Amino acid sequence: METIRQIAVFCVGRAVMFGALAIGIVMLAFSFDPAWALRAGAVMTLVMAAILVFKAQTAKHKMPSRTEVWIYLDDGMKPKNDHAVRYFGKVLSKVYGRFAQVSLLVACAMFVVSQTFFAFGLTVYDVAMR
């Protein structure tokens, strides 16, 4: 059953990385002001974490055949009985939850750095006027 967890980490991790790429591009658009770039990144990462928490809560009740992990599993590894289906949902829920925790941690770190920039007055307008 470790194979299911590895495939779930791969699938969820790829989705999170695409989200992180989009967040990074938006932050790059705000690169003229690092404080606002970090704040925008933190807000979007919080939204991503909320989506991952929602997915973690609903993964236990989702049919395994409607997940991306199901596509990557060999026919012999696909859950067939009720116990295996419940285990599949628990594994998927834990993987989503772990990625949600990391996303929340990253968002909090970006908020702290952004607030530090604002506290010391390091905004684009102050730097340009000096």
N, C-alpha and C. Protein backbone atom coordinates (compact mmCIF):
# COMPACT_ATOMS: atom_id res chain seq x y z
N MET A 1 0.81 -1.21 0.00
CA MET A 1 0.00 0.00 0.00
C MET A 1 0.85 1.27 0.00
N GLU A 2 2.13 1.09 0.18
CA GLU A 2 3.05 2.24 0.11
C GLU A 2 3.05 2.83 -1.30
N THR A 3 2.76 2.00 -2.29
CA THR A 3 2.70 2.47 -3.67
C THR A 3 1.59 3.50 -3.83
N ILE A 4 0.47 3.29 -3.19
CA ILE A 4 -0.64 4.25 -3.27
C ILE A 4 -0.21 5.59 -2.71
N ARG A 5 0.48 5.58 -1.57
CA ARG A 5 0.93 6.83 -0.97
C ARG A 5 1.94 7.54 -1.87
N GLN A 6 2.86 6.80 -2.45
CA GLN A 6 3.86 7.41 -3.33
C GLN A 6 3.21 8.04 -4.56
N ILE A 7 2.26 7.36 -5.14
CA ILE A 7 1.58 7.91 -6.31
C ILE A 7 0.73 9.12 -5.91
N ALA A 8 0.10 9.06 -4.74
CA ALA A 8 -0.70 10.20 -4.26
C ALA A 8 0.20 11.41 -4.02
N VAL A 9 1.37 11.20 -3.43
CA VAL A 9 2.31 12.31 -3.20
C VAL A 9 2.74 12.90 -4.54
N PHE A 10 2.98 12.05 -5.52
CA PHE A 10 3.38 12.53 -6.84
C PHE A 10 2.27 13.37 -7.48
N CYS A 11 1.04 12.87 -7.46
CA CYS A 11 -0.07 13.58 -8.10
C CYS A 11 -0.40 14.89 -7.40
N VAL A 12 -0.52 14.85 -6.09
CA VAL A 12 -0.85 16.06 -5.33
C VAL A 12 0.31 17.05 -5.38
N GLY A 13 1.52 16.54 -5.28
CA GLY A 13 2.69 17.42 -5.35
C GLY A 13 2.80 18.14 -6.68
N ARG A 14 2.48 17.44 -7.75
CA ARG A 14 2.52 18.08 -9.07
C ARG A 14 1.47 19.19 -9.16
N ALA A 15 0.28 18.93 -8.65
CA ALA A 15 -0.77 19.95 -8.67
C ALA A 15 -0.38 21.16 -7.82
N VAL A 16 0.21 20.91 -6.66
CA VAL A 16 0.63 22.01 -5.79
C VAL A 16 1.76 22.80 -6.45
N MET A 17 2.64 22.13 -7.13
CA MET A 17 3.74 22.84 -7.80
C MET A 17 3.23 23.73 -8.93
N PHE A 18 2.21 23.28 -9.65
CA PHE A 18 1.62 24.14 -10.67
C PHE A 18 0.96 25.36 -10.03
N GLY A 19 0.32 25.16 -8.89
CA GLY A 19 -0.24 26.29 -8.15
C GLY A 19 0.84 27.23 -7.66
N ALA A 20 1.94 26.67 -7.18
CA ALA A 20 3.06 27.49 -6.72
C ALA A 20 3.68 28.27 -7.88
N LEU A 21 3.71 27.67 -9.05
CA LEU A 21 4.22 28.37 -10.23
C LEU A 21 3.35 29.59 -10.55
N ALA A 22 2.04 29.41 -10.50
CA ALA A 22 1.13 30.53 -10.75
C ALA A 22 1.30 31.62 -9.69
N ILE A 23 1.43 31.22 -8.44
CA ILE A 23 1.64 32.19 -7.36
C ILE A 23 2.96 32.91 -7.55
N GLY A 24 3.98 32.19 -7.94
CA GLY A 24 5.29 32.81 -8.19
C GLY A 24 5.24 33.82 -9.32
N ILE A 25 4.48 33.54 -10.35
CA ILE A 25 4.36 34.48 -11.47
C ILE A 25 3.65 35.75 -11.03
N VAL A 26 2.61 35.62 -10.23
CA VAL A 26 1.93 36.81 -9.71
C VAL A 26 2.88 37.60 -8.81
N MET A 27 3.64 36.90 -7.99
CA MET A 27 4.60 37.59 -7.12
C MET A 27 5.67 38.30 -7.97
N LEU A 28 6.05 37.70 -9.07
CA LEU A 28 7.02 38.33 -9.97
C LEU A 28 6.45 39.61 -10.56
N ALA A 29 5.15 39.63 -10.82
CA ALA A 29 4.51 40.83 -11.33
C ALA A 29 4.56 41.96 -10.30
N PHE A 30 4.57 41.61 -9.02
CA PHE A 30 4.67 42.60 -7.94
C PHE A 30 6.11 42.84 -7.50
N SER A 31 7.07 42.39 -8.26
CA SER A 31 8.46 42.44 -7.81
C SER A 31 8.99 43.86 -7.63
N PHE A 32 8.29 44.86 -8.13
CA PHE A 32 8.72 46.23 -7.90
C PHE A 32 8.58 46.62 -6.43
N ASP A 33 7.74 45.89 -5.69
CA ASP A 33 7.55 46.14 -4.27
C ASP A 33 7.54 44.80 -3.53
N PRO A 34 8.66 44.39 -2.94
CA PRO A 34 8.74 43.07 -2.32
C PRO A 34 7.73 42.84 -1.20
N ALA A 35 7.39 43.88 -0.46
CA ALA A 35 6.44 43.71 0.63
C ALA A 35 5.06 43.29 0.09
N TRP A 36 4.61 43.96 -0.96
CA TRP A 36 3.32 43.62 -1.55
C TRP A 36 3.39 42.30 -2.31
N ALA A 37 4.53 41.99 -2.89
CA ALA A 37 4.69 40.70 -3.57
C ALA A 37 4.55 39.54 -2.57
N LEU A 38 5.19 39.68 -1.42
CA LEU A 38 5.08 38.64 -0.40
C LEU A 38 3.67 38.55 0.17
N ARG A 39 3.03 39.69 0.34
CA ARG A 39 1.67 39.67 0.86
C ARG A 39 0.72 39.00 -0.14
N ALA A 40 0.87 39.33 -1.42
CA ALA A 40 0.02 38.69 -2.44
C ALA A 40 0.29 37.19 -2.49
N GLY A 41 1.55 36.81 -2.41
CA GLY A 41 1.89 35.39 -2.40
C GLY A 41 1.33 34.68 -1.19
N ALA A 42 1.36 35.35 -0.04
CA ALA A 42 0.84 34.74 1.18
C ALA A 42 -0.67 34.53 1.09
N VAL A 43 -1.38 35.51 0.57
CA VAL A 43 -2.84 35.37 0.44
C VAL A 43 -3.19 34.24 -0.52
N MET A 44 -2.51 34.18 -1.65
CA MET A 44 -2.81 33.13 -2.61
C MET A 44 -2.40 31.75 -2.08
N THR A 45 -1.33 31.69 -1.32
CA THR A 45 -0.92 30.42 -0.72
C THR A 45 -1.92 29.99 0.35
N LEU A 46 -2.49 30.95 1.08
CA LEU A 46 -3.55 30.62 2.03
C LEU A 46 -4.78 30.05 1.33
N VAL A 47 -5.11 30.61 0.18
CA VAL A 47 -6.24 30.08 -0.59
C VAL A 47 -5.94 28.65 -1.03
N MET A 48 -4.70 28.42 -1.48
CA MET A 48 -4.32 27.08 -1.90
C MET A 48 -4.38 26.11 -0.71
N ALA A 49 -3.93 26.55 0.45
CA ALA A 49 -3.99 25.71 1.65
C ALA A 49 -5.44 25.39 2.02
N ALA A 50 -6.33 26.37 1.89
CA ALA A 50 -7.75 26.14 2.19
C ALA A 50 -8.35 25.11 1.23
N ILE A 51 -7.98 25.20 -0.03
CA ILE A 51 -8.46 24.23 -1.02
C ILE A 51 -7.94 22.83 -0.68
N LEU A 52 -6.67 22.75 -0.28
CA LEU A 52 -6.10 21.46 0.09
C LEU A 52 -6.75 20.87 1.34
N VAL A 53 -7.09 21.72 2.29
CA VAL A 53 -7.80 21.24 3.48
C VAL A 53 -9.18 20.71 3.10
N PHE A 54 -9.86 21.42 2.22
CA PHE A 54 -11.17 20.95 1.73
C PHE A 54 -11.03 19.60 1.03
N LYS A 55 -10.01 19.48 0.18
CA LYS A 55 -9.78 18.21 -0.52
C LYS A 55 -9.46 17.09 0.47
N ALA A 56 -8.70 17.42 1.52
CA ALA A 56 -8.37 16.42 2.53
C ALA A 56 -9.62 15.94 3.26
N GLN A 57 -10.54 16.85 3.52
CA GLN A 57 -11.77 16.48 4.22
C GLN A 57 -12.70 15.64 3.34
N THR A 58 -12.72 15.91 2.06
CA THR A 58 -13.63 15.20 1.17
C THR A 58 -13.01 13.95 0.54
N ALA A 59 -11.72 13.76 0.68
CA ALA A 59 -11.05 12.61 0.04
C ALA A 59 -11.52 11.28 0.62
N LYS A 60 -11.89 11.27 1.88
CA LYS A 60 -12.32 10.01 2.51
C LYS A 60 -13.64 9.49 1.93
N HIS A 61 -14.45 10.39 1.40
CA HIS A 61 -15.77 10.02 0.91
C HIS A 61 -15.83 9.94 -0.62
N LYS A 62 -14.70 10.17 -1.27
CA LYS A 62 -14.67 10.18 -2.73
C LYS A 62 -14.40 8.78 -3.26
N MET A 63 -15.04 8.45 -4.34
CA MET A 63 -14.80 7.15 -4.97
C MET A 63 -13.38 7.14 -5.54
N PRO A 64 -12.61 6.11 -5.25
CA PRO A 64 -11.23 6.06 -5.74
C PRO A 64 -11.12 6.13 -7.26
N SER A 65 -12.12 5.61 -7.96
CA SER A 65 -12.05 5.61 -9.43
C SER A 65 -12.19 7.02 -10.02
N ARG A 66 -12.54 8.00 -9.20
CA ARG A 66 -12.68 9.38 -9.67
C ARG A 66 -11.48 10.24 -9.30
N THR A 67 -10.36 9.61 -8.99
CA THR A 67 -9.16 10.36 -8.62
C THR A 67 -8.07 10.13 -9.65
N GLU A 68 -7.12 11.04 -9.66
CA GLU A 68 -5.98 10.91 -10.57
C GLU A 68 -5.07 9.76 -10.16
N VAL A 69 -5.03 9.49 -8.88
CA VAL A 69 -4.19 8.40 -8.38
C VAL A 69 -4.64 7.07 -8.98
N TRP A 70 -5.92 6.91 -9.17
CA TRP A 70 -6.48 5.68 -9.73
C TRP A 70 -5.92 5.40 -11.12
N ILE A 71 -5.73 6.45 -11.90
CA ILE A 71 -5.23 6.29 -13.27
C ILE A 71 -3.82 5.70 -13.26
N TYR A 72 -3.01 6.11 -12.30
CA TYR A 72 -1.61 5.69 -12.27
C TYR A 72 -1.41 4.32 -11.61
N LEU A 73 -2.41 3.81 -10.93
CA LEU A 73 -2.27 2.52 -10.26
C LEU A 73 -2.40 1.37 -11.26
N ASP A 74 -1.60 0.32 -11.03
CA ASP A 74 -1.75 -0.90 -11.81
C ASP A 74 -3.07 -1.56 -11.43
N ASP A 75 -3.57 -2.44 -12.31
CA ASP A 75 -4.84 -3.10 -12.02
C ASP A 75 -4.79 -3.93 -10.74
N GLY A 76 -3.64 -4.51 -10.43
CA GLY A 76 -3.51 -5.32 -9.22
C GLY A 76 -3.48 -4.49 -7.94
N MET A 77 -3.14 -3.21 -8.05
CA MET A 77 -3.03 -2.35 -6.88
C MET A 77 -4.31 -1.56 -6.59
N LYS A 78 -5.26 -1.58 -7.51
CA LYS A 78 -6.50 -0.81 -7.32
C LYS A 78 -7.34 -1.45 -6.23
N PRO A 79 -7.88 -0.64 -5.30
CA PRO A 79 -8.67 -1.20 -4.20
C PRO A 79 -9.97 -1.81 -4.72
N LYS A 80 -10.28 -2.99 -4.18
CA LYS A 80 -11.48 -3.70 -4.64
C LYS A 80 -12.52 -3.88 -3.54
N ASN A 81 -12.10 -4.10 -2.31
CA ASN A 81 -13.07 -4.30 -1.23
C ASN A 81 -13.25 -3.02 -0.42
N ASP A 82 -14.19 -3.03 0.50
CA ASP A 82 -14.52 -1.83 1.28
C ASP A 82 -13.36 -1.36 2.15
N HIS A 83 -12.64 -2.30 2.74
CA HIS A 83 -11.51 -1.93 3.59
C HIS A 83 -10.43 -1.22 2.77
N ALA A 84 -10.16 -1.72 1.59
CA ALA A 84 -9.13 -1.10 0.73
C ALA A 84 -9.58 0.28 0.26
N VAL A 85 -10.86 0.44 0.00
CA VAL A 85 -11.38 1.75 -0.43
C VAL A 85 -11.25 2.76 0.70
N ARG A 86 -11.56 2.34 1.94
CA ARG A 86 -11.41 3.24 3.09
C ARG A 86 -9.94 3.60 3.30
N TYR A 87 -9.06 2.62 3.16
CA TYR A 87 -7.62 2.88 3.32
C TYR A 87 -7.14 3.85 2.24
N PHE A 88 -7.61 3.68 1.03
CA PHE A 88 -7.25 4.57 -0.08
C PHE A 88 -7.66 6.01 0.25
N GLY A 89 -8.87 6.19 0.77
CA GLY A 89 -9.34 7.53 1.14
C GLY A 89 -8.52 8.13 2.27
N LYS A 90 -8.15 7.30 3.25
CA LYS A 90 -7.33 7.81 4.36
C LYS A 90 -5.96 8.25 3.88
N VAL A 91 -5.36 7.46 3.00
CA VAL A 91 -4.03 7.81 2.48
C VAL A 91 -4.11 9.11 1.70
N LEU A 92 -5.10 9.23 0.84
CA LEU A 92 -5.25 10.45 0.04
C LEU A 92 -5.52 11.66 0.94
N SER A 93 -6.32 11.46 1.97
CA SER A 93 -6.62 12.54 2.91
C SER A 93 -5.36 13.00 3.65
N LYS A 94 -4.55 12.05 4.08
CA LYS A 94 -3.31 12.41 4.78
C LYS A 94 -2.34 13.15 3.87
N VAL A 95 -2.26 12.74 2.61
CA VAL A 95 -1.35 13.41 1.67
C VAL A 95 -1.82 14.84 1.43
N TYR A 96 -3.11 15.02 1.18
CA TYR A 96 -3.64 16.38 1.01
C TYR A 96 -3.40 17.22 2.27
N GLY A 97 -3.62 16.62 3.42
CA GLY A 97 -3.42 17.34 4.68
C GLY A 97 -1.98 17.76 4.89
N ARG A 98 -1.05 16.90 4.53
CA ARG A 98 0.37 17.25 4.68
C ARG A 98 0.75 18.42 3.77
N PHE A 99 0.30 18.39 2.54
CA PHE A 99 0.58 19.50 1.63
C PHE A 99 -0.12 20.78 2.10
N ALA A 100 -1.29 20.65 2.71
CA ALA A 100 -1.98 21.83 3.26
C ALA A 100 -1.18 22.42 4.42
N GLN A 101 -0.61 21.57 5.28
CA GLN A 101 0.22 22.06 6.38
C GLN A 101 1.43 22.82 5.87
N VAL A 102 2.09 22.28 4.89
CA VAL A 102 3.29 22.94 4.35
C VAL A 102 2.90 24.26 3.69
N SER A 103 1.79 24.26 2.96
CA SER A 103 1.33 25.51 2.32
C SER A 103 1.00 26.56 3.36
N LEU A 104 0.36 26.16 4.44
CA LEU A 104 0.04 27.10 5.51
C LEU A 104 1.31 27.66 6.15
N LEU A 105 2.28 26.81 6.36
CA LEU A 105 3.55 27.25 6.93
C LEU A 105 4.26 28.26 6.02
N VAL A 106 4.27 27.98 4.73
CA VAL A 106 4.89 28.90 3.77
C VAL A 106 4.13 30.23 3.73
N ALA A 107 2.81 30.18 3.76
CA ALA A 107 2.01 31.41 3.75
C ALA A 107 2.28 32.24 4.99
N CYS A 108 2.36 31.60 6.15
CA CYS A 108 2.66 32.33 7.39
C CYS A 108 4.05 32.97 7.33
N ALA A 109 5.01 32.25 6.80
CA ALA A 109 6.36 32.81 6.67
C ALA A 109 6.36 34.02 5.75
N MET A 110 5.62 33.94 4.65
CA MET A 110 5.55 35.09 3.74
C MET A 110 4.87 36.27 4.41
N PHE A 111 3.83 36.02 5.19
CA PHE A 111 3.17 37.10 5.92
C PHE A 111 4.13 37.76 6.92
N VAL A 112 4.90 36.97 7.62
CA VAL A 112 5.83 37.52 8.61
C VAL A 112 6.89 38.39 7.93
N VAL A 113 7.44 37.91 6.83
CA VAL A 113 8.45 38.70 6.12
C VAL A 113 7.82 39.96 5.54
N SER A 114 6.61 39.85 5.01
CA SER A 114 5.92 41.01 4.47
C SER A 114 5.65 42.05 5.57
N GLN A 115 5.18 41.60 6.71
CA GLN A 115 4.93 42.52 7.82
C GLN A 115 6.23 43.15 8.32
N THR A 116 7.32 42.41 8.29
CA THR A 116 8.62 42.96 8.68
C THR A 116 9.02 44.08 7.72
N PHE A 117 8.82 43.86 6.43
CA PHE A 117 9.12 44.90 5.45
C PHE A 117 8.28 46.15 5.70
N PHE A 118 6.99 45.94 5.97
CA PHE A 118 6.11 47.08 6.23
C PHE A 118 6.49 47.78 7.54
N ALA A 119 6.88 47.02 8.55
CA ALA A 119 7.23 47.60 9.85
C ALA A 119 8.46 48.49 9.75
N PHE A 120 9.42 48.08 8.94
CA PHE A 120 10.63 48.89 8.78
C PHE A 120 10.49 49.92 7.66
N GLY A 121 9.33 49.98 7.06
CA GLY A 121 9.08 50.99 6.04
C GLY A 121 9.79 50.71 4.73
N LEU A 122 10.04 49.46 4.43
CA LEU A 122 10.71 49.10 3.18
C LEU A 122 9.70 48.88 2.07
N THR A 123 9.14 49.98 1.59
CA THR A 123 8.24 49.89 0.46
C THR A 123 8.89 50.59 -0.71
N VAL A 124 8.37 50.39 -1.88
CA VAL A 124 8.99 50.92 -3.09
C VAL A 124 9.00 52.45 -3.09
N TYR A 125 7.98 53.04 -2.49
CA TYR A 125 7.88 54.49 -2.53
C TYR A 125 8.89 55.15 -1.60
N ASP A 126 9.17 54.51 -0.46
CA ASP A 126 10.15 55.05 0.46
C ASP A 126 11.56 54.94 -0.09
N VAL A 127 11.86 53.83 -0.73
CA VAL A 127 13.19 53.62 -1.29
C VAL A 127 13.44 54.58 -2.44
N ALA A 128 12.43 54.83 -3.28
CA ALA A 128 12.59 55.71 -4.44
C ALA A 128 12.77 57.17 -4.01
N MET A 129 12.22 57.56 -2.88
CA MET A 129 12.29 58.96 -2.49
C MET A 129 13.57 59.27 -1.71
N ARG A 130 14.33 58.27 -1.30
CA ARG A 130 15.55 58.52 -0.53
C ARG A 130 16.70 58.92 -1.39
